[in-house]
Amino acid sequence: MGAWRRHKAKGLVVLLVLPRWAVARGFRAGRAEEEKRAVVDGAGIEVSRGGESQRIVWDEVRSYHETPRLHVFTGRSRRRTCLVVLPKRLFTGPEESDLLAALAHARAGDGA
């Protein structure tokens, strides 16, 4: 039984660490210096980077989670899994971040 608990604990650590590692690696992948833009409106979220743009409408957003530093959205768009991470430091003030949180909770829910 001890071996099972060790494997279960390792799996839990991987689930907690892997998403942060993947996001950090993505930012360091050479595209970190490209200009990025995010537009949040009544229709959904559009993220642009370089010449690429992707929009996820609110109906496709499955969950929203907020951390002390991030707004995180997950969903599916045209058979693709989407992860949108918006750092709070990019907002001009805490009231903008609070408005996004209120809109996200109203439109996407909390993953429950």
PDB file of N, CA and C in Angstrom:
ATOM      1  N   MET A   1       0.810  -1.187   0.000  1.00  0.00           N
ATOM      2  CA  MET A   1       0.000   0.000   0.000  1.00  0.00           C
ATOM      3  C   MET A   1       0.859   1.259   0.000  1.00  0.00           C
ATOM      4  N   GLY A   2       2.055   1.212   0.588  1.00  0.00           N
ATOM      5  CA  GLY A   2       2.936   2.373   0.645  1.00  0.00           C
ATOM      6  C   GLY A   2       3.370   2.832  -0.736  1.00  0.00           C
ATOM      7  N   ALA A   3       3.645   1.871  -1.632  1.00  0.00           N
ATOM      8  CA  ALA A   3       4.051   2.226  -2.996  1.00  0.00           C
ATOM      9  C   ALA A   3       2.916   2.946  -3.724  1.00  0.00           C
ATOM     10  N   TRP A   4       1.692   2.499  -3.509  1.00  0.00           N
ATOM     11  CA  TRP A   4       0.539   3.135  -4.146  1.00  0.00           C
ATOM     12  C   TRP A   4       0.413   4.592  -3.706  1.00  0.00           C
ATOM     13  N   ARG A   5       0.612   4.846  -2.428  1.00  0.00           N
ATOM     14  CA  ARG A   5       0.519   6.217  -1.920  1.00  0.00           C
ATOM     15  C   ARG A   5       1.617   7.097  -2.505  1.00  0.00           C
ATOM     16  N   ARG A   6       2.823   6.541  -2.650  1.00  0.00           N
ATOM     17  CA  ARG A   6       3.921   7.321  -3.242  1.00  0.00           C
ATOM     18  C   ARG A   6       3.595   7.692  -4.681  1.00  0.00           C
ATOM     19  N   HIS A   7       3.066   6.734  -5.452  1.00  0.00           N
ATOM     20  CA  HIS A   7       2.707   7.019  -6.846  1.00  0.00           C
ATOM     21  C   HIS A   7       1.579   8.039  -6.919  1.00  0.00           C
ATOM     22  N   LYS A   8       0.629   7.928  -6.017  1.00  0.00           N
ATOM     23  CA  LYS A   8      -0.481   8.876  -5.985  1.00  0.00           C
ATOM     24  C   LYS A   8       0.028  10.281  -5.649  1.00  0.00           C
ATOM     25  N   ALA A   9       0.950  10.365  -4.695  1.00  0.00           N
ATOM     26  CA  ALA A   9       1.525  11.664  -4.321  1.00  0.00           C
ATOM     27  C   ALA A   9       2.320  12.260  -5.477  1.00  0.00           C
ATOM     28  N   LYS A  10       3.087  11.425  -6.183  1.00  0.00           N
ATOM     29  CA  LYS A  10       3.849  11.916  -7.339  1.00  0.00           C
ATOM     30  C   LYS A  10       2.909  12.424  -8.423  1.00  0.00           C
ATOM     31  N   GLY A  11       1.821  11.712  -8.648  1.00  0.00           N
ATOM     32  CA  GLY A  11       0.844  12.149  -9.645  1.00  0.00           C
ATOM     33  C   GLY A  11       0.232  13.489  -9.287  1.00  0.00           C
ATOM     34  N   LEU A  12      -0.058  13.684  -8.013  1.00  0.00           N
ATOM     35  CA  LEU A  12      -0.618  14.951  -7.558  1.00  0.00           C
ATOM     36  C   LEU A  12       0.371  16.094  -7.758  1.00  0.00           C
ATOM     37  N   VAL A  13       1.644  15.845  -7.459  1.00  0.00           N
ATOM     38  CA  VAL A  13       2.677  16.866  -7.658  1.00  0.00           C
ATOM     39  C   VAL A  13       2.776  17.231  -9.133  1.00  0.00           C
ATOM     40  N   VAL A  14       2.746  16.233 -10.004  1.00  0.00           N
ATOM     41  CA  VAL A  14       2.815  16.491 -11.446  1.00  0.00           C
ATOM     42  C   VAL A  14       1.626  17.338 -11.888  1.00  0.00           C
ATOM     43  N   LEU A  15       0.435  17.028 -11.405  1.00  0.00           N
ATOM     44  CA  LEU A  15      -0.751  17.801 -11.789  1.00  0.00           C
ATOM     45  C   LEU A  15      -0.687  19.242 -11.313  1.00  0.00           C
ATOM     46  N   LEU A  16      -0.025  19.479 -10.192  1.00  0.00           N
ATOM     47  CA  LEU A  16       0.076  20.836  -9.672  1.00  0.00           C
ATOM     48  C   LEU A  16       1.199  21.635 -10.319  1.00  0.00           C
ATOM     49  N   VAL A  17       2.300  20.984 -10.666  1.00  0.00           N
ATOM     50  CA  VAL A  17       3.481  21.673 -11.182  1.00  0.00           C
ATOM     51  C   VAL A  17       3.466  21.791 -12.703  1.00  0.00           C
ATOM     52  N   LEU A  18       2.978  20.789 -13.395  1.00  0.00           N
ATOM     53  CA  LEU A  18       3.053  20.752 -14.856  1.00  0.00           C
ATOM     54  C   LEU A  18       2.389  21.949 -15.539  1.00  0.00           C
ATOM     55  N   PRO A  19       1.178  22.372 -15.154  1.00  0.00           N
ATOM     56  CA  PRO A  19       0.591  23.532 -15.849  1.00  0.00           C
ATOM     57  C   PRO A  19       1.429  24.799 -15.727  1.00  0.00           C
ATOM     58  N   ARG A  20       1.961  25.077 -14.547  1.00  0.00           N
ATOM     59  CA  ARG A  20       2.810  26.266 -14.386  1.00  0.00           C
ATOM     60  C   ARG A  20       4.060  26.161 -15.245  1.00  0.00           C
ATOM     61  N   TRP A  21       4.662  24.993 -15.268  1.00  0.00           N
ATOM     62  CA  TRP A  21       5.873  24.779 -16.059  1.00  0.00           C
ATOM     63  C   TRP A  21       5.572  24.989 -17.545  1.00  0.00           C
ATOM     64  N   ALA A  22       4.437  24.456 -18.013  1.00  0.00           N
ATOM     65  CA  ALA A  22       4.085  24.584 -19.430  1.00  0.00           C
ATOM     66  C   ALA A  22       3.865  26.045 -19.818  1.00  0.00           C
ATOM     67  N   VAL A  23       3.192  26.800 -18.967  1.00  0.00           N
ATOM     68  CA  VAL A  23       2.965  28.222 -19.258  1.00  0.00           C
ATOM     69  C   VAL A  23       4.285  28.976 -19.276  1.00  0.00           C
ATOM     70  N   ALA A  24       5.128  28.733 -18.286  1.00  0.00           N
ATOM     71  CA  ALA A  24       6.426  29.416 -18.226  1.00  0.00           C
ATOM     72  C   ALA A  24       7.272  29.078 -19.444  1.00  0.00           C
ATOM     73  N   ARG A  25       7.265  27.836 -19.838  1.00  0.00           N
ATOM     74  CA  ARG A  25       8.053  27.426 -21.008  1.00  0.00           C
ATOM     75  C   ARG A  25       7.529  28.095 -22.279  1.00  0.00           C
ATOM     76  N   GLY A  26       6.218  28.217 -22.385  1.00  0.00           N
ATOM     77  CA  GLY A  26       5.634  28.878 -23.549  1.00  0.00           C
ATOM     78  C   GLY A  26       6.064  30.326 -23.671  1.00  0.00           C
ATOM     79  N   PHE A  27       6.151  31.023 -22.547  1.00  0.00           N
ATOM     80  CA  PHE A  27       6.584  32.418 -22.576  1.00  0.00           C
ATOM     81  C   PHE A  27       8.057  32.539 -22.939  1.00  0.00           C
ATOM     82  N   ARG A  28       8.854  31.541 -22.583  1.00  0.00           N
ATOM     83  CA  ARG A  28      10.286  31.601 -22.880  1.00  0.00           C
ATOM     84  C   ARG A  28      10.627  31.032 -24.244  1.00  0.00           C
ATOM     85  N   ALA A  29       9.667  30.577 -24.980  1.00  0.00           N
ATOM     86  CA  ALA A  29       9.922  29.856 -26.223  1.00  0.00           C
ATOM     87  C   ALA A  29      10.356  30.751 -27.377  1.00  0.00           C
ATOM     88  N   GLY A  30      10.741  31.974 -27.126  1.00  0.00           N
ATOM     89  CA  GLY A  30      11.203  32.837 -28.203  1.00  0.00           C
ATOM     90  C   GLY A  30      10.137  33.793 -28.700  1.00  0.00           C
ATOM     91  N   ARG A  31       8.918  33.626 -28.249  1.00  0.00           N
ATOM     92  CA  ARG A  31       7.849  34.505 -28.691  1.00  0.00           C
ATOM     93  C   ARG A  31       7.490  35.511 -27.608  1.00  0.00           C
ATOM     94  N   ALA A  32       8.238  35.501 -26.530  1.00  0.00           N
ATOM     95  CA  ALA A  32       7.921  36.384 -25.405  1.00  0.00           C
ATOM     96  C   ALA A  32       8.049  37.853 -25.786  1.00  0.00           C
ATOM     97  N   GLU A  33       8.928  38.168 -26.737  1.00  0.00           N
ATOM     98  CA  GLU A  33       9.119  39.571 -27.099  1.00  0.00           C
ATOM     99  C   GLU A  33       8.096  40.063 -28.116  1.00  0.00           C
ATOM    100  N   GLU A  34       7.310  39.165 -28.705  1.00  0.00           N
ATOM    101  CA  GLU A  34       6.280  39.588 -29.648  1.00  0.00           C
ATOM    102  C   GLU A  34       5.171  40.346 -28.922  1.00  0.00           C
ATOM    103  N   GLU A  35       4.601  41.307 -29.608  1.00  0.00           N
ATOM    104  CA  GLU A  35       3.491  42.063 -29.027  1.00  0.00           C
ATOM    105  C   GLU A  35       2.261  41.169 -28.929  1.00  0.00           C
ATOM    106  N   LYS A  36       1.625  41.210 -27.777  1.00  0.00           N
ATOM    107  CA  LYS A  36       0.411  40.441 -27.549  1.00  0.00           C
ATOM    108  C   LYS A  36      -0.719  41.405 -27.210  1.00  0.00           C
ATOM    109  N   ARG A  37      -1.926  40.995 -27.561  1.00  0.00           N
ATOM    110  CA  ARG A  37      -3.083  41.840 -27.276  1.00  0.00           C
ATOM    111  C   ARG A  37      -4.259  40.943 -26.921  1.00  0.00           C
ATOM    112  N   ALA A  38      -4.985  41.317 -25.895  1.00  0.00           N
ATOM    113  CA  ALA A  38      -6.190  40.585 -25.503  1.00  0.00           C
ATOM    114  C   ALA A  38      -7.353  41.564 -25.440  1.00  0.00           C
ATOM    115  N   VAL A  39      -8.463  41.172 -26.047  1.00  0.00           N
ATOM    116  CA  VAL A  39      -9.677  41.980 -26.021  1.00  0.00           C
ATOM    117  C   VAL A  39     -10.780  41.121 -25.406  1.00  0.00           C
ATOM    118  N   VAL A  40     -11.367  41.621 -24.332  1.00  0.00           N
ATOM    119  CA  VAL A  40     -12.475  40.933 -23.664  1.00  0.00           C
ATOM    120  C   VAL A  40     -13.712  41.799 -23.851  1.00  0.00           C
ATOM    121  N   ASP A  41     -14.768  41.189 -24.419  1.00  0.00           N
ATOM    122  CA  ASP A  41     -16.002  41.938 -24.638  1.00  0.00           C
ATOM    123  C   ASP A  41     -17.200  41.037 -24.368  1.00  0.00           C
ATOM    124  N   GLY A  42     -18.362  41.506 -24.701  1.00  0.00           N
ATOM    125  CA  GLY A  42     -19.576  40.737 -24.455  1.00  0.00           C
ATOM    126  C   GLY A  42     -19.653  39.441 -25.236  1.00  0.00           C
ATOM    127  N   ALA A  43     -18.884  39.332 -26.321  1.00  0.00           N
ATOM    128  CA  ALA A  43     -18.900  38.127 -27.143  1.00  0.00           C
ATOM    129  C   ALA A  43     -17.919  37.062 -26.658  1.00  0.00           C
ATOM    130  N   GLY A  44     -16.806  37.478 -26.048  1.00  0.00           N
ATOM    131  CA  GLY A  44     -15.805  36.509 -25.611  1.00  0.00           C
ATOM    132  C   GLY A  44     -14.443  37.149 -25.433  1.00  0.00           C
ATOM    133  N   ILE A  45     -13.410  36.352 -25.681  1.00  0.00           N
ATOM    134  CA  ILE A  45     -12.029  36.796 -25.510  1.00  0.00           C
ATOM    135  C   ILE A  45     -11.290  36.562 -26.819  1.00  0.00           C
ATOM    136  N   GLU A  46     -10.579  37.586 -27.285  1.00  0.00           N
ATOM    137  CA  GLU A  46      -9.746  37.449 -28.478  1.00  0.00           C
ATOM    138  C   GLU A  46      -8.310  37.763 -28.091  1.00  0.00           C
ATOM    139  N   VAL A  47      -7.418  36.842 -28.433  1.00  0.00           N
ATOM    140  CA  VAL A  47      -6.001  37.007 -28.133  1.00  0.00           C
ATOM    141  C   VAL A  47      -5.250  37.051 -29.452  1.00  0.00           C
ATOM    142  N   SER A  48      -4.424  38.079 -29.626  1.00  0.00           N
ATOM    143  CA  SER A  48      -3.623  38.236 -30.840  1.00  0.00           C
ATOM    144  C   SER A  48      -2.154  38.257 -30.468  1.00  0.00           C
ATOM    145  N   ARG A  49      -1.354  37.598 -31.302  1.00  0.00           N
ATOM    146  CA  ARG A  49       0.095  37.592 -31.111  1.00  0.00           C
ATOM    147  C   ARG A  49       0.713  37.553 -32.497  1.00  0.00           C
ATOM    148  N   GLY A  50       1.532  38.549 -32.786  1.00  0.00           N
ATOM    149  CA  GLY A  50       2.114  38.613 -34.121  1.00  0.00           C
ATOM    150  C   GLY A  50       0.993  38.702 -35.142  1.00  0.00           C
ATOM    151  N   GLY A  51       0.995  37.824 -36.117  1.00  0.00           N
ATOM    152  CA  GLY A  51      -0.047  37.791 -37.137  1.00  0.00           C
ATOM    153  C   GLY A  51      -1.171  36.824 -36.819  1.00  0.00           C
ATOM    154  N   GLU A  52      -1.107  36.143 -35.674  1.00  0.00           N
ATOM    155  CA  GLU A  52      -2.108  35.149 -35.307  1.00  0.00           C
ATOM    156  C   GLU A  52      -3.157  35.755 -34.381  1.00  0.00           C
ATOM    157  N   SER A  53      -4.371  35.252 -34.512  1.00  0.00           N
ATOM    158  CA  SER A  53      -5.445  35.706 -33.641  1.00  0.00           C
ATOM    159  C   SER A  53      -6.372  34.532 -33.376  1.00  0.00           C
ATOM    160  N   GLN A  54      -6.832  34.417 -32.136  1.00  0.00           N
ATOM    161  CA  GLN A  54      -7.785  33.369 -31.796  1.00  0.00           C
ATOM    162  C   GLN A  54      -8.855  33.953 -30.894  1.00  0.00           C
ATOM    163  N   ARG A  55     -10.095  33.603 -31.170  1.00  0.00           N
ATOM    164  CA  ARG A  55     -11.224  34.077 -30.361  1.00  0.00           C
ATOM    165  C   ARG A  55     -11.920  32.866 -29.756  1.00  0.00           C
ATOM    166  N   ILE A  56     -12.266  32.989 -28.490  1.00  0.00           N
ATOM    167  CA  ILE A  56     -13.097  31.997 -27.825  1.00  0.00           C
ATOM    168  C   ILE A  56     -14.327  32.743 -27.313  1.00  0.00           C
ATOM    169  N   VAL A  57     -15.503  32.292 -27.757  1.00  0.00           N
ATOM    170  CA  VAL A  57     -16.738  32.954 -27.342  1.00  0.00           C
ATOM    171  C   VAL A  57     -17.148  32.420 -25.974  1.00  0.00           C
ATOM    172  N   TRP A  58     -17.959  33.187 -25.263  1.00  0.00           N
ATOM    173  CA  TRP A  58     -18.310  32.812 -23.891  1.00  0.00           C
ATOM    174  C   TRP A  58     -18.960  31.442 -23.806  1.00  0.00           C
ATOM    175  N   ASP A  59     -19.746  31.045 -24.813  1.00  0.00           N
ATOM    176  CA  ASP A  59     -20.385  29.725 -24.787  1.00  0.00           C
ATOM    177  C   ASP A  59     -19.364  28.592 -24.817  1.00  0.00           C
ATOM    178  N   GLU A  60     -18.172  28.853 -25.332  1.00  0.00           N
ATOM    179  CA  GLU A  60     -17.121  27.830 -25.408  1.00  0.00           C
ATOM    180  C   GLU A  60     -16.253  27.780 -24.150  1.00  0.00           C
ATOM    181  N   VAL A  61     -16.334  28.803 -23.305  1.00  0.00           N
ATOM    182  CA  VAL A  61     -15.535  28.837 -22.076  1.00  0.00           C
ATOM    183  C   VAL A  61     -16.168  27.890 -21.064  1.00  0.00           C
ATOM    184  N   ARG A  62     -15.395  26.914 -20.612  1.00  0.00           N
ATOM    185  CA  ARG A  62     -15.898  25.908 -19.675  1.00  0.00           C
ATOM    186  C   ARG A  62     -15.664  26.285 -18.216  1.00  0.00           C
ATOM    187  N   SER A  63     -14.551  26.970 -17.944  1.00  0.00           N
ATOM    188  CA  SER A  63     -14.281  27.331 -16.551  1.00  0.00           C
ATOM    189  C   SER A  63     -13.422  28.583 -16.478  1.00  0.00           C
ATOM    190  N   TYR A  64     -13.527  29.224 -15.346  1.00  0.00           N
ATOM    191  CA  TYR A  64     -12.742  30.415 -15.052  1.00  0.00           C
ATOM    192  C   TYR A  64     -12.184  30.262 -13.645  1.00  0.00           C
ATOM    193  N   HIS A  65     -10.903  30.551 -13.496  1.00  0.00           N
ATOM    194  CA  HIS A  65     -10.253  30.499 -12.189  1.00  0.00           C
ATOM    195  C   HIS A  65      -9.413  31.756 -12.030  1.00  0.00           C
ATOM    196  N   GLU A  66      -9.380  32.262 -10.823  1.00  0.00           N
ATOM    197  CA  GLU A  66      -8.599  33.463 -10.531  1.00  0.00           C
ATOM    198  C   GLU A  66      -7.579  33.134  -9.454  1.00  0.00           C
ATOM    199  N   THR A  67      -6.347  33.565  -9.683  1.00  0.00           N
ATOM    200  CA  THR A  67      -5.292  33.444  -8.683  1.00  0.00           C
ATOM    201  C   THR A  67      -4.894  34.864  -8.280  1.00  0.00           C
ATOM    202  N   PRO A  68      -4.033  35.019  -7.299  1.00  0.00           N
ATOM    203  CA  PRO A  68      -3.610  36.375  -6.936  1.00  0.00           C
ATOM    204  C   PRO A  68      -2.948  37.144  -8.079  1.00  0.00           C
ATOM    205  N   ARG A  69      -2.394  36.432  -9.078  1.00  0.00           N
ATOM    206  CA  ARG A  69      -1.697  37.117 -10.175  1.00  0.00           C
ATOM    207  C   ARG A  69      -2.296  36.897 -11.554  1.00  0.00           C
ATOM    208  N   LEU A  70      -3.257  35.968 -11.700  1.00  0.00           N
ATOM    209  CA  LEU A  70      -3.731  35.593 -13.032  1.00  0.00           C
ATOM    210  C   LEU A  70      -5.248  35.451 -13.099  1.00  0.00           C
ATOM    211  N   HIS A  71      -5.775  35.647 -14.323  1.00  0.00           N
ATOM    212  CA  HIS A  71      -7.132  35.239 -14.690  1.00  0.00           C
ATOM    213  C   HIS A  71      -6.932  34.089 -15.679  1.00  0.00           C
ATOM    214  N   VAL A  72      -7.535  32.929 -15.418  1.00  0.00           N
ATOM    215  CA  VAL A  72      -7.318  31.737 -16.248  1.00  0.00           C
ATOM    216  C   VAL A  72      -8.664  31.229 -16.765  1.00  0.00           C
ATOM    217  N   PHE A  73      -8.751  31.078 -18.085  1.00  0.00           N
ATOM    218  CA  PHE A  73      -9.954  30.579 -18.742  1.00  0.00           C
ATOM    219  C   PHE A  73      -9.606  29.290 -19.474  1.00  0.00           C
ATOM    220  N   THR A  74     -10.488  28.292 -19.395  1.00  0.00           N
ATOM    221  CA  THR A  74     -10.318  27.074 -20.179  1.00  0.00           C
ATOM    222  C   THR A  74     -11.597  26.835 -20.960  1.00  0.00           C
ATOM    223  N   GLY A  75     -11.457  26.187 -22.106  1.00  0.00           N
ATOM    224  CA  GLY A  75     -12.627  25.901 -22.920  1.00  0.00           C
ATOM    225  C   GLY A  75     -12.265  25.108 -24.154  1.00  0.00           C
ATOM    226  N   ARG A  76     -13.246  24.983 -25.043  1.00  0.00           N
ATOM    227  CA  ARG A  76     -13.035  24.277 -26.303  1.00  0.00           C
ATOM    228  C   ARG A  76     -13.542  25.158 -27.433  1.00  0.00           C
ATOM    229  N   SER A  77     -12.719  25.292 -28.457  1.00  0.00           N
ATOM    230  CA  SER A  77     -13.083  26.078 -29.625  1.00  0.00           C
ATOM    231  C   SER A  77     -12.776  25.254 -30.867  1.00  0.00           C
ATOM    232  N   ARG A  78     -13.805  24.927 -31.607  1.00  0.00           N
ATOM    233  CA  ARG A  78     -13.635  24.133 -32.835  1.00  0.00           C
ATOM    234  C   ARG A  78     -12.772  22.896 -32.607  1.00  0.00           C
ATOM    235  N   ARG A  79     -13.168  22.081 -31.651  1.00  0.00           N
ATOM    236  CA  ARG A  79     -12.495  20.818 -31.318  1.00  0.00           C
ATOM    237  C   ARG A  79     -11.101  20.990 -30.752  1.00  0.00           C
ATOM    238  N   ARG A  80     -10.725  22.190 -30.392  1.00  0.00           N
ATOM    239  CA  ARG A  80      -9.409  22.437 -29.800  1.00  0.00           C
ATOM    240  C   ARG A  80      -9.593  22.909 -28.372  1.00  0.00           C
ATOM    241  N   THR A  81      -8.762  22.396 -27.495  1.00  0.00           N
ATOM    242  CA  THR A  81      -8.785  22.856 -26.114  1.00  0.00           C
ATOM    243  C   THR A  81      -8.069  24.191 -26.035  1.00  0.00           C
ATOM    244  N   CYS A  82      -8.666  25.126 -25.326  1.00  0.00           N
ATOM    245  CA  CYS A  82      -8.096  26.469 -25.206  1.00  0.00           C
ATOM    246  C   CYS A  82      -7.740  26.760 -23.757  1.00  0.00           C
ATOM    247  N   LEU A  83      -6.635  27.432 -23.574  1.00  0.00           N
ATOM    248  CA  LEU A  83      -6.212  27.932 -22.272  1.00  0.00           C
ATOM    249  C   LEU A  83      -5.816  29.384 -22.478  1.00  0.00           C
ATOM    250  N   VAL A  84      -6.529  30.289 -21.829  1.00  0.00           N
ATOM    251  CA  VAL A  84      -6.222  31.710 -21.922  1.00  0.00           C
ATOM    252  C   VAL A  84      -5.809  32.177 -20.533  1.00  0.00           C
ATOM    253  N   VAL A  85      -4.594  32.715 -20.438  1.00  0.00           N
ATOM    254  CA  VAL A  85      -4.059  33.197 -19.167  1.00  0.00           C
ATOM    255  C   VAL A  85      -3.778  34.687 -19.316  1.00  0.00           C
ATOM    256  N   LEU A  86      -4.455  35.499 -18.512  1.00  0.00           N
ATOM    257  CA  LEU A  86      -4.269  36.948 -18.555  1.00  0.00           C
ATOM    258  C   LEU A  86      -3.651  37.404 -17.238  1.00  0.00           C
ATOM    259  N   PRO A  87      -2.386  37.844 -17.265  1.00  0.00           N
ATOM    260  CA  PRO A  87      -1.744  38.334 -16.035  1.00  0.00           C
ATOM    261  C   PRO A  87      -2.402  39.625 -15.551  1.00  0.00           C
ATOM    262  N   LYS A  88      -2.637  39.717 -14.266  1.00  0.00           N
ATOM    263  CA  LYS A  88      -3.271  40.906 -13.688  1.00  0.00           C
ATOM    264  C   LYS A  88      -2.378  42.135 -13.789  1.00  0.00           C
ATOM    265  N   ARG A  89      -1.084  41.961 -13.890  1.00  0.00           N
ATOM    266  CA  ARG A  89      -0.167  43.107 -13.960  1.00  0.00           C
ATOM    267  C   ARG A  89      -0.365  43.925 -15.235  1.00  0.00           C
ATOM    268  N   LEU A  90      -1.044  43.364 -16.219  1.00  0.00           N
ATOM    269  CA  LEU A  90      -1.268  44.074 -17.476  1.00  0.00           C
ATOM    270  C   LEU A  90      -2.420  45.073 -17.398  1.00  0.00           C
ATOM    271  N   PHE A  91      -3.232  44.995 -16.367  1.00  0.00           N
ATOM    272  CA  PHE A  91      -4.352  45.917 -16.225  1.00  0.00           C
ATOM    273  C   PHE A  91      -3.851  47.249 -15.688  1.00  0.00           C
ATOM    274  N   THR A  92      -4.549  48.330 -16.047  1.00  0.00           N
ATOM    275  CA  THR A  92      -4.124  49.658 -15.596  1.00  0.00           C
ATOM    276  C   THR A  92      -4.465  49.909 -14.137  1.00  0.00           C
ATOM    277  N   GLY A  93      -5.375  49.121 -13.580  1.00  0.00           N
ATOM    278  CA  GLY A  93      -5.728  49.280 -12.172  1.00  0.00           C
ATOM    279  C   GLY A  93      -6.519  48.088 -11.677  1.00  0.00           C
ATOM    280  N   PRO A  94      -6.643  47.953 -10.357  1.00  0.00           N
ATOM    281  CA  PRO A  94      -7.366  46.803  -9.807  1.00  0.00           C
ATOM    282  C   PRO A  94      -8.843  46.779 -10.193  1.00  0.00           C
ATOM    283  N   GLU A  95      -9.424  47.948 -10.462  1.00  0.00           N
ATOM    284  CA  GLU A  95     -10.835  47.961 -10.837  1.00  0.00           C
ATOM    285  C   GLU A  95     -11.065  47.273 -12.182  1.00  0.00           C
ATOM    286  N   GLU A  96     -10.114  47.376 -13.119  1.00  0.00           N
ATOM    287  CA  GLU A  96     -10.241  46.670 -14.402  1.00  0.00           C
ATOM    288  C   GLU A  96     -10.204  45.170 -14.185  1.00  0.00           C
ATOM    289  N   SER A  97      -9.289  44.723 -13.339  1.00  0.00           N
ATOM    290  CA  SER A  97      -9.182  43.302 -13.029  1.00  0.00           C
ATOM    291  C   SER A  97     -10.461  42.800 -12.362  1.00  0.00           C
ATOM    292  N   ASP A  98     -11.023  43.595 -11.467  1.00  0.00           N
ATOM    293  CA  ASP A  98     -12.266  43.219 -10.789  1.00  0.00           C
ATOM    294  C   ASP A  98     -13.435  43.138 -11.774  1.00  0.00           C
ATOM    295  N   LEU A  99     -13.473  44.050 -12.744  1.00  0.00           N
ATOM    296  CA  LEU A  99     -14.523  44.009 -13.768  1.00  0.00           C
ATOM    297  C   LEU A  99     -14.430  42.732 -14.595  1.00  0.00           C
ATOM    298  N   LEU A 100     -13.204  42.351 -14.967  1.00  0.00           N
ATOM    299  CA  LEU A 100     -13.025  41.113 -15.725  1.00  0.00           C
ATOM    300  C   LEU A 100     -13.474  39.918 -14.892  1.00  0.00           C
ATOM    301  N   ALA A 101     -13.114  39.891 -13.624  1.00  0.00           N
ATOM    302  CA  ALA A 101     -13.516  38.780 -12.755  1.00  0.00           C
ATOM    303  C   ALA A 101     -15.039  38.679 -12.672  1.00  0.00           C
ATOM    304  N   ALA A 102     -15.715  39.809 -12.528  1.00  0.00           N
ATOM    305  CA  ALA A 102     -17.182  39.802 -12.452  1.00  0.00           C
ATOM    306  C   ALA A 102     -17.798  39.300 -13.757  1.00  0.00           C
ATOM    307  N   LEU A 103     -17.280  39.783 -14.890  1.00  0.00           N
ATOM    308  CA  LEU A 103     -17.775  39.333 -16.191  1.00  0.00           C
ATOM    309  C   LEU A 103     -17.519  37.842 -16.377  1.00  0.00           C
ATOM    310  N   ALA A 104     -16.330  37.388 -16.013  1.00  0.00           N
ATOM    311  CA  ALA A 104     -15.979  35.977 -16.178  1.00  0.00           C
ATOM    312  C   ALA A 104     -16.875  35.078 -15.332  1.00  0.00           C
ATOM    313  N   HIS A 105     -17.124  35.465 -14.089  1.00  0.00           N
ATOM    314  CA  HIS A 105     -18.001  34.655 -13.231  1.00  0.00           C
ATOM    315  C   HIS A 105     -19.425  34.611 -13.782  1.00  0.00           C
ATOM    316  N   ALA A 106     -19.888  35.720 -14.340  1.00  0.00           N
ATOM    317  CA  ALA A 106     -21.240  35.769 -14.891  1.00  0.00           C
ATOM    318  C   ALA A 106     -21.362  34.947 -16.170  1.00  0.00           C
ATOM    319  N   ARG A 107     -20.316  34.959 -16.997  1.00  0.00           N
ATOM    320  CA  ARG A 107     -20.383  34.302 -18.303  1.00  0.00           C
ATOM    321  C   ARG A 107     -19.875  32.868 -18.303  1.00  0.00           C
ATOM    322  N   ALA A 108     -18.789  32.596 -17.565  1.00  0.00           N
ATOM    323  CA  ALA A 108     -18.139  31.288 -17.648  1.00  0.00           C
ATOM    324  C   ALA A 108     -18.361  30.430 -16.418  1.00  0.00           C
ATOM    325  N   GLY A 109     -18.706  31.007 -15.305  1.00  0.00           N
ATOM    326  CA  GLY A 109     -18.841  30.224 -14.085  1.00  0.00           C
ATOM    327  C   GLY A 109     -17.499  30.016 -13.432  1.00  0.00           C
ATOM    328  N   ASP A 110     -17.451  29.068 -12.517  1.00  0.00           N
ATOM    329  CA  ASP A 110     -16.227  28.830 -11.754  1.00  0.00           C
ATOM    330  C   ASP A 110     -15.711  27.412 -11.909  1.00  0.00           C
ATOM    331  N   GLY A 111     -16.121  26.720 -12.942  1.00  0.00           N
ATOM    332  CA  GLY A 111     -15.642  25.366 -13.172  1.00  0.00           C
ATOM    333  C   GLY A 111     -16.432  24.311 -12.430  1.00  0.00           C
ATOM    334  N   ALA A 112     -17.426  24.697 -11.690  1.00  0.00           N
ATOM    335  CA  ALA A 112     -18.205  23.728 -10.904  1.00  0.00           C
ATOM    336  C   ALA A 112     -19.201  22.987 -11.777  1.00  0.00           C
TER     337      ALA A 112
END
